[in-house]
Amino acid sequence: MNLKLEACTLNDAAQLAELRVLAMRPSLERIGRFDAKRARQRLLQNFSTEYTRLIKLDGMLAGFLVLRPQDKDLLLDHFYLHPDFQQRGLGSAVIELVLAEADELGKIIHVGVLRDSDANRFYLRHSFVLREVGEFDNYYLRYPQADSRRCD
């Protein structure tokens, strides 16, 4: 598996908005809240190439994530894989890279997840802890981990 996180450009915005719609559709339909236009707008209204990374697998666009600073912490604002790349271990490989980066920086990661989404189990498996339950979303934290292999 040739996995890379790459910088994006403004030209990627529309394609990433469509990818978000594809990835979110099943979860939003389950709760009766699917609105493709709103799903696109949520991404595009705060789109920033500075914090957005393309997830490429063997050179193909498999997904993207947005990891932005929030106070002294990090906010995993978006993390989506195209449905064709889900359930293959790619999400776990990507989140491990993000967690290693946060650990290196000593930063807490915050993430909000649709309450009825399968992503809730994903984040719990990757050492996130539930902080708050909202009307539609669950909010998680992941504290930095010490690397027992590191020698200081």
Protein backbone atom coordinates (compact mmCIF):
# COMPACT_ATOMS: atom_id res chain seq x y z
CA MET A 1 0.00 0.00 0.00
CA ASN A 2 1.50 3.29 -1.15
CA LEU A 3 -0.22 5.82 1.15
CA LYS A 4 0.56 9.53 0.98
CA LEU A 5 -0.92 12.65 2.52
CA GLU A 6 -0.49 15.51 0.07
CA ALA A 7 -1.17 19.23 0.02
CA CYS A 8 -4.21 20.38 -1.91
CA THR A 9 -5.02 23.43 -4.00
CA LEU A 10 -8.12 25.56 -4.37
CA ASN A 11 -8.82 23.61 -7.56
CA ASP A 12 -9.46 20.52 -5.40
CA ALA A 13 -12.29 22.12 -3.39
CA ALA A 14 -15.26 21.11 -5.59
CA GLN A 15 -14.03 17.52 -5.95
CA LEU A 16 -13.53 17.23 -2.18
CA ALA A 17 -17.01 18.63 -1.53
CA GLU A 18 -18.46 15.91 -3.78
CA LEU A 19 -16.38 13.27 -2.00
CA ARG A 20 -17.77 14.51 1.33
CA VAL A 21 -21.33 14.10 0.03
CA LEU A 22 -20.63 10.51 -1.06
CA ALA A 23 -18.98 9.61 2.24
CA MET A 24 -21.61 11.23 4.48
CA ARG A 25 -24.74 10.26 2.57
CA PRO A 26 -25.47 6.88 4.27
CA SER A 27 -25.09 8.26 7.81
CA LEU A 28 -27.14 11.37 7.09
CA GLU A 29 -29.88 9.41 5.32
CA ARG A 30 -30.18 7.09 8.34
CA ILE A 31 -31.19 10.04 10.50
CA GLY A 32 -33.23 11.81 7.81
CA ARG A 33 -30.82 14.75 7.47
CA PHE A 34 -29.23 14.25 4.06
CA ASP A 35 -28.97 17.47 2.09
CA ALA A 36 -26.28 17.36 -0.61
CA LYS A 37 -26.19 21.13 -1.03
CA ARG A 38 -25.73 21.70 2.70
CA ALA A 39 -23.06 18.98 2.88
CA ARG A 40 -21.08 20.70 0.12
CA GLN A 41 -21.48 24.15 1.66
CA ARG A 42 -20.31 22.98 5.09
CA LEU A 43 -16.96 22.08 3.58
CA LEU A 44 -16.62 24.96 1.13
CA GLN A 45 -17.54 27.79 3.54
CA ASN A 46 -14.33 27.27 5.57
CA PHE A 47 -12.17 25.56 2.95
CA SER A 48 -8.49 26.12 3.59
CA THR A 49 -5.71 24.59 1.53
CA GLU A 50 -3.37 25.25 4.45
CA TYR A 51 -4.99 22.60 6.65
CA THR A 52 -6.43 20.20 4.04
CA ARG A 53 -4.55 17.07 3.01
CA LEU A 54 -5.42 14.76 0.18
CA ILE A 55 -5.28 11.06 0.99
CA LYS A 56 -3.72 9.27 -1.96
CA LEU A 57 -3.47 5.52 -2.25
CA ASP A 58 -1.30 4.26 -5.08
CA GLY A 59 -1.64 7.72 -6.67
CA MET A 60 -5.46 7.73 -6.56
CA LEU A 61 -7.51 10.20 -4.51
CA ALA A 62 -9.00 8.07 -1.75
CA GLY A 63 -10.14 10.81 0.61
CA PHE A 64 -9.08 13.88 2.50
CA LEU A 65 -8.76 15.30 5.96
CA VAL A 66 -8.67 18.76 7.51
CA LEU A 67 -6.56 19.16 10.63
CA ARG A 68 -6.56 22.72 11.90
CA PRO A 69 -5.21 24.43 14.99
CA GLN A 70 -7.81 25.21 17.64
CA ASP A 71 -6.55 27.19 20.61
CA LYS A 72 -3.62 25.08 21.86
CA ASP A 73 -5.06 21.87 20.40
CA LEU A 74 -5.92 20.41 16.99
CA LEU A 75 -9.35 19.99 15.43
CA LEU A 76 -9.88 17.10 13.03
CA ASP A 77 -12.54 19.10 11.22
CA HIS A 78 -13.09 16.66 8.33
CA PHE A 79 -11.91 13.13 7.59
CA TYR A 80 -13.57 11.32 4.71
CA LEU A 81 -12.77 8.35 2.56
CA HIS A 82 -14.49 7.69 -0.73
CA PRO A 83 -16.86 4.71 -0.25
CA ASP A 84 -14.72 2.59 -2.62
CA PHE A 85 -11.81 2.92 -0.14
CA GLN A 86 -13.72 2.29 3.09
CA GLN A 87 -13.54 -0.91 5.15
CA ARG A 88 -10.02 -1.69 3.90
CA GLY A 89 -7.89 -0.45 6.81
CA LEU A 90 -7.03 2.81 5.06
CA GLY A 91 -8.77 4.97 7.66
CA SER A 92 -6.77 3.33 10.43
CA ALA A 93 -3.51 3.84 8.53
CA VAL A 94 -4.31 7.52 7.98
CA ILE A 95 -5.44 8.20 11.55
CA GLU A 96 -2.23 6.60 12.85
CA LEU A 97 -0.24 9.18 10.86
CA VAL A 98 -2.37 12.00 12.28
CA LEU A 99 -2.05 10.66 15.83
CA ALA A 100 1.73 10.36 15.51
CA GLU A 101 1.87 13.98 14.37
CA ALA A 102 -0.27 15.13 17.31
CA ASP A 103 1.83 13.07 19.73
CA GLU A 104 5.02 14.63 18.39
CA LEU A 105 3.51 18.08 18.97
CA GLY A 106 2.03 17.09 22.34
CA LYS A 107 -1.42 18.21 21.14
CA ILE A 108 -4.94 17.07 22.00
CA ILE A 109 -7.11 16.27 18.97
CA HIS A 110 -10.82 17.19 18.99
CA VAL A 111 -13.33 15.64 16.61
CA GLY A 112 -17.11 15.77 16.21
CA VAL A 113 -18.91 12.74 14.80
CA LEU A 114 -22.51 12.30 13.69
CA ARG A 115 -24.18 10.39 16.53
CA ASP A 116 -25.43 7.47 14.43
CA SER A 117 -22.31 7.16 12.29
CA ASP A 118 -20.10 4.09 12.24
CA ALA A 119 -17.22 6.55 12.72
CA ASN A 120 -17.99 6.60 16.46
CA ARG A 121 -16.60 3.09 16.84
CA PHE A 122 -13.62 4.02 14.68
CA TYR A 123 -12.58 6.90 16.95
CA LEU A 124 -13.11 4.89 20.12
CA ARG A 125 -10.83 2.16 18.70
CA HIS A 126 -8.16 4.79 18.12
CA SER A 127 -7.94 6.06 21.73
CA PHE A 128 -10.42 8.92 21.51
CA VAL A 129 -12.67 9.45 24.53
CA LEU A 130 -16.21 10.79 24.49
CA ARG A 131 -16.30 14.33 25.87
CA GLU A 132 -19.84 15.46 25.09
CA VAL A 133 -23.04 14.31 23.42
CA GLY A 134 -24.85 16.95 21.38
CA GLU A 135 -28.19 16.92 19.61
CA PHE A 136 -26.74 15.45 16.41
CA ASP A 137 -23.04 14.88 17.15
CA ASN A 138 -20.74 13.19 19.64
CA TYR A 139 -17.58 15.10 20.54
CA TYR A 140 -14.37 13.24 21.26
CA LEU A 141 -10.88 14.07 22.52
CA ARG A 142 -7.67 12.18 22.01
CA TYR A 143 -4.86 13.04 24.39
CA PRO A 144 -1.23 12.84 23.26
CA GLN A 145 0.43 9.53 24.01
CA ALA A 146 3.98 9.05 25.21
CA ASP A 147 6.08 6.99 22.86
CA SER A 148 7.66 4.24 24.92
CA ARG A 149 10.20 3.62 22.11
CA ARG A 150 11.59 7.14 22.28
CA CYS A 151 14.87 7.60 24.13
CA ASP A 152 15.51 11.10 25.47
